[in-house]
N, C-alpha and C. Protein backbone atom coordinates (compact mmCIF):
# COMPACT_ATOMS: atom_id res chain seq x y z
N MET A 1 0.78 -1.64 -0.05
CA MET A 1 0.14 -0.08 -0.10
C MET A 1 0.64 1.18 -0.18
N ASP A 2 0.60 1.90 -1.29
CA ASP A 2 1.44 3.52 -0.94
C ASP A 2 0.95 4.42 0.12
N TYR A 3 1.39 4.92 0.65
CA TYR A 3 0.91 6.07 1.93
C TYR A 3 1.04 7.41 1.05
N ASN A 4 -0.33 8.27 1.11
CA ASN A 4 0.15 9.39 0.46
C ASN A 4 -0.08 10.84 1.89
N TYR A 5 0.43 11.39 1.86
CA TYR A 5 0.59 12.47 3.03
C TYR A 5 0.20 13.57 2.47
N SER A 6 -0.60 14.62 2.72
CA SER A 6 -0.92 15.51 2.45
C SER A 6 -0.05 17.05 2.61
N ASP A 7 -0.65 17.48 2.05
CA ASP A 7 0.34 18.97 1.80
C ASP A 7 0.23 19.42 3.29
N GLU A 8 -0.69 19.24 4.22
CA GLU A 8 -1.15 20.05 5.22
C GLU A 8 -0.06 19.46 6.26
N LEU A 9 -0.14 18.51 6.28
CA LEU A 9 0.53 17.52 6.90
C LEU A 9 2.29 17.87 6.96
N LYS A 10 2.61 17.82 5.54
CA LYS A 10 4.09 18.53 5.54
C LYS A 10 4.31 19.69 5.89
N ALA A 11 3.15 20.64 5.69
CA ALA A 11 3.88 21.89 6.17
C ALA A 11 3.90 21.82 7.79
N ARG A 12 2.65 21.15 7.99
CA ARG A 12 2.79 21.50 9.96
C ARG A 12 4.17 20.45 10.48
N LEU A 13 4.92 19.45 9.53
CA LEU A 13 6.33 18.72 9.94
C LEU A 13 7.35 19.91 9.87
N LYS A 14 6.95 21.09 8.80
CA LYS A 14 8.00 22.11 8.16
C LYS A 14 8.24 23.13 9.27
N ARG A 15 6.99 23.39 9.95
CA ARG A 15 6.70 24.24 11.17
C ARG A 15 7.46 23.31 12.27
N ILE A 16 7.19 22.50 12.57
CA ILE A 16 8.08 21.77 13.93
C ILE A 16 9.22 21.85 13.32
N GLU A 17 9.43 21.64 12.43
CA GLU A 17 11.09 21.83 11.71
C GLU A 17 11.70 22.98 12.27
N GLY A 18 10.69 23.80 11.78
CA GLY A 18 11.01 25.38 12.09
C GLY A 18 11.27 25.70 13.68
N GLN A 19 10.34 25.12 14.71
CA GLN A 19 10.36 25.50 16.05
C GLN A 19 11.68 24.82 16.59
N VAL A 20 12.24 23.52 15.94
CA VAL A 20 13.25 22.91 16.73
C VAL A 20 14.60 23.78 16.30
N ARG A 21 14.72 24.33 15.22
CA ARG A 21 15.97 25.30 14.83
C ARG A 21 15.74 26.70 15.63
N GLY A 22 14.38 27.02 16.01
CA GLY A 22 13.97 28.02 16.64
C GLY A 22 14.58 27.90 18.30
N VAL A 23 14.71 26.67 18.86
CA VAL A 23 14.95 26.13 20.02
C VAL A 23 16.65 25.91 20.04
N LEU A 24 17.43 25.34 18.47
CA LEU A 24 18.77 25.66 18.58
C LEU A 24 19.30 27.23 18.71
N ARG A 25 18.43 27.77 18.53
CA ARG A 25 18.97 29.75 18.10
C ARG A 25 18.68 29.95 19.57
N LEU A 26 17.84 29.56 20.34
CA LEU A 26 17.80 30.18 21.99
C LEU A 26 19.07 29.16 22.91
N MET A 27 19.12 27.87 22.32
CA MET A 27 20.70 27.67 22.98
C MET A 27 21.53 27.79 22.78
N ASP A 28 21.94 28.40 21.50
CA ASP A 28 22.93 29.23 21.30
C ASP A 28 23.20 30.64 21.65
N GLU A 29 21.91 31.33 22.21
CA GLU A 29 21.94 32.27 22.68
C GLU A 29 22.57 32.76 24.10
N GLY A 30 22.25 31.19 24.78
CA GLY A 30 22.18 31.16 25.58
C GLY A 30 20.90 31.60 26.74
N LYS A 31 19.83 31.39 26.09
CA LYS A 31 18.58 31.87 26.64
C LYS A 31 18.31 30.61 27.71
N PRO A 32 17.30 31.45 28.83
CA PRO A 32 17.24 30.85 30.22
C PRO A 32 16.37 29.50 29.89
N CYS A 33 16.70 28.48 30.86
CA CYS A 33 16.02 27.22 30.72
C CYS A 33 14.75 27.23 30.63
N LYS A 34 14.05 28.17 31.48
CA LYS A 34 12.56 28.18 31.32
C LYS A 34 12.30 28.10 29.52
N ASP A 35 12.91 29.15 28.91
CA ASP A 35 12.34 29.45 27.88
C ASP A 35 13.05 28.29 26.98
N VAL A 36 14.16 27.50 27.05
CA VAL A 36 14.31 26.51 25.97
C VAL A 36 13.01 25.22 26.28
N VAL A 37 12.82 24.84 27.75
CA VAL A 37 12.12 24.15 27.93
C VAL A 37 10.59 24.16 27.17
N SER A 38 10.33 25.49 27.39
CA SER A 38 8.70 26.07 27.08
C SER A 38 8.85 25.41 25.29
N GLN A 39 9.77 26.17 24.68
CA GLN A 39 9.48 25.51 23.27
C GLN A 39 9.73 24.52 22.91
N LEU A 40 10.91 23.53 23.71
CA LEU A 40 10.55 22.10 23.26
C LEU A 40 9.27 21.49 23.66
N SER A 41 8.34 22.14 24.83
CA SER A 41 7.11 21.26 24.89
C SER A 41 6.25 21.64 23.73
N ALA A 42 6.47 22.77 22.85
CA ALA A 42 5.38 23.36 21.90
C ALA A 42 5.83 22.46 20.89
N VAL A 43 7.31 21.94 20.88
CA VAL A 43 8.03 21.07 19.76
C VAL A 43 6.82 19.55 20.05
N ARG A 44 6.90 19.00 21.11
CA ARG A 44 6.83 17.78 21.53
C ARG A 44 4.96 17.58 20.89
N ASN A 45 4.33 18.62 21.52
CA ASN A 45 2.59 18.61 21.37
C ASN A 45 2.60 18.85 20.06
N ALA A 46 3.50 19.72 19.11
CA ALA A 46 2.96 19.77 17.68
C ALA A 46 2.96 18.07 17.21
N SER A 47 4.30 17.83 17.62
CA SER A 47 4.53 16.53 16.73
C SER A 47 3.48 15.39 17.72
N ASP A 48 3.10 15.37 18.25
CA ASP A 48 2.12 14.69 19.07
C ASP A 48 0.70 14.75 18.22
N ARG A 49 0.34 16.12 17.61
CA ARG A 49 -0.64 16.30 16.95
C ARG A 49 -0.06 15.54 15.35
N ALA A 50 0.72 15.64 15.17
CA ALA A 50 1.38 15.15 13.65
C ALA A 50 1.19 13.71 13.87
N ILE A 51 1.40 13.06 14.92
CA ILE A 51 1.40 11.70 15.16
C ILE A 51 -0.16 11.30 14.89
N ALA A 52 -0.96 11.64 16.05
CA ALA A 52 -1.91 11.74 15.81
C ALA A 52 -3.00 11.86 14.47
N GLN A 53 -2.37 13.29 13.55
CA GLN A 53 -2.83 12.94 12.42
C GLN A 53 -3.02 12.09 11.29
N ILE A 54 -1.42 11.61 11.32
CA ILE A 54 -0.85 10.36 10.42
C ILE A 54 -1.86 9.27 10.97
N VAL A 55 -1.54 8.65 11.93
CA VAL A 55 -2.62 7.58 12.40
C VAL A 55 -3.93 7.83 11.86
N ALA A 56 -4.67 8.86 12.51
CA ALA A 56 -6.12 8.59 11.98
C ALA A 56 -6.49 8.70 10.74
N GLU A 57 -5.38 9.13 9.34
CA GLU A 57 -5.90 9.28 7.87
C GLU A 57 -5.58 7.71 7.90
N ASN A 58 -4.36 7.38 8.00
CA ASN A 58 -3.79 5.91 7.41
C ASN A 58 -5.16 4.93 8.07
N LEU A 59 -5.31 5.01 9.30
CA LEU A 59 -6.64 4.10 9.98
C LEU A 59 -7.75 4.44 8.98
N GLN A 60 -8.14 5.38 8.51
CA GLN A 60 -9.50 5.60 8.04
C GLN A 60 -9.38 5.09 6.19
N GLN A 61 -8.11 5.11 6.01
CA GLN A 61 -7.77 4.72 4.48
C GLN A 61 -8.09 2.91 4.88
N CYS A 62 -7.28 2.01 5.57
CA CYS A 62 -6.94 1.09 6.20
C CYS A 62 -8.34 0.64 6.39
N ILE A 63 -9.25 1.00 6.95
CA ILE A 63 -10.55 0.54 7.26
C ILE A 63 -11.22 0.63 6.18
N LEU A 64 -11.49 1.51 5.42
CA LEU A 64 -12.10 1.43 3.82
C LEU A 64 -11.52 0.49 3.28
N ASP A 65 -9.94 0.08 3.06
CA ASP A 65 -9.56 -0.98 2.31
C ASP A 65 -10.26 -2.41 2.68
N GLU A 66 -10.01 -2.93 4.17
CA GLU A 66 -10.39 -3.48 4.86
C GLU A 66 -11.94 -4.26 5.01
N GLN A 67 -13.00 -3.26 4.86
CA GLN A 67 -14.40 -3.67 4.62
C GLN A 67 -14.18 -3.68 3.19
N GLN A 68 -13.78 -3.56 2.14
CA GLN A 68 -13.85 -3.91 0.78
C GLN A 68 -13.67 -5.30 0.33
N THR A 69 -12.38 -6.07 1.41
CA THR A 69 -12.48 -7.50 1.41
C THR A 69 -12.67 -7.87 2.33
N GLY A 70 -13.44 -7.58 3.22
CA GLY A 70 -14.34 -8.21 4.37
C GLY A 70 -13.82 -8.35 5.62
N GLY A 71 -12.39 -7.93 5.69
CA GLY A 71 -11.34 -8.38 6.49
C GLY A 71 -11.77 -7.60 8.07
N ASP A 72 -10.95 -8.06 8.97
CA ASP A 72 -11.22 -7.63 10.32
C ASP A 72 -10.92 -6.22 10.49
N THR A 73 -11.44 -5.14 10.92
CA THR A 73 -11.34 -3.44 11.46
C THR A 73 -11.16 -3.53 12.54
N GLY A 74 -11.54 -4.89 14.02
CA GLY A 74 -10.84 -4.13 14.85
C GLY A 74 -9.70 -4.57 15.16
N LYS A 75 -8.85 -5.09 14.24
CA LYS A 75 -7.79 -5.23 14.00
C LYS A 75 -6.81 -4.40 14.14
N LEU A 76 -7.16 -3.47 12.92
CA LEU A 76 -6.91 -2.10 12.41
C LEU A 76 -6.63 -1.28 13.67
N VAL A 77 -8.02 -1.08 14.01
CA VAL A 77 -8.30 0.01 15.10
C VAL A 77 -7.18 -0.36 16.24
N LYS A 78 -7.00 -1.55 16.78
CA LYS A 78 -6.01 -2.10 17.67
C LYS A 78 -4.91 -1.72 17.74
N GLN A 79 -4.14 -1.96 16.45
CA GLN A 79 -3.44 -1.73 16.32
C GLN A 79 -2.81 0.20 16.31
N ALA A 80 -3.79 0.92 15.60
CA ALA A 80 -3.83 2.17 15.49
C ALA A 80 -3.48 2.79 17.12
N VAL A 81 -4.47 2.18 17.68
CA VAL A 81 -4.40 2.71 19.56
C VAL A 81 -2.85 2.25 19.95
N GLU A 82 -2.33 0.97 19.74
CA GLU A 82 -1.19 0.77 20.23
C GLU A 82 -0.33 1.77 19.59
N LEU A 83 -0.17 2.00 18.35
CA LEU A 83 0.60 2.98 17.85
C LEU A 83 0.71 4.51 18.54
N LEU A 84 -0.32 4.75 19.00
CA LEU A 84 -0.59 6.18 19.45
C LEU A 84 -0.19 5.84 21.25
N VAL A 85 -0.06 4.95 21.86
CA VAL A 85 0.50 4.74 22.91
C VAL A 85 1.57 4.87 23.24
N LYS A 86 1.73 4.01 21.69
CA LYS A 86 3.88 3.82 21.69
C LYS A 86 4.56 5.05 21.50
N SER A 87 3.99 5.75 20.96
CA SER A 87 4.68 7.51 20.38
C SER A 87 4.46 8.13 21.96
N ARG A 88 3.73 8.09 22.83
CA ARG A 88 4.04 8.60 23.80
C ARG A 88 4.69 8.34 24.80
């Protein structure tokens, strides 16, 4: 199965990339720990949302494909939940 990731998702990841560069800049500038950790927290939250979006979009497509072949969609949902739990 080929995966097609949306331009919106790719843009989200590019924003995360920019946030990480911003964190590095804060560190290079010797900014306080509070500022660095705050920005890293924002990066983590943004990446968590990206993970959730990827899993949700993939799950939706996998369920549709599985339904067409008469397969067990419950197994797919379980795998998606395990992916989300593992990502935390």
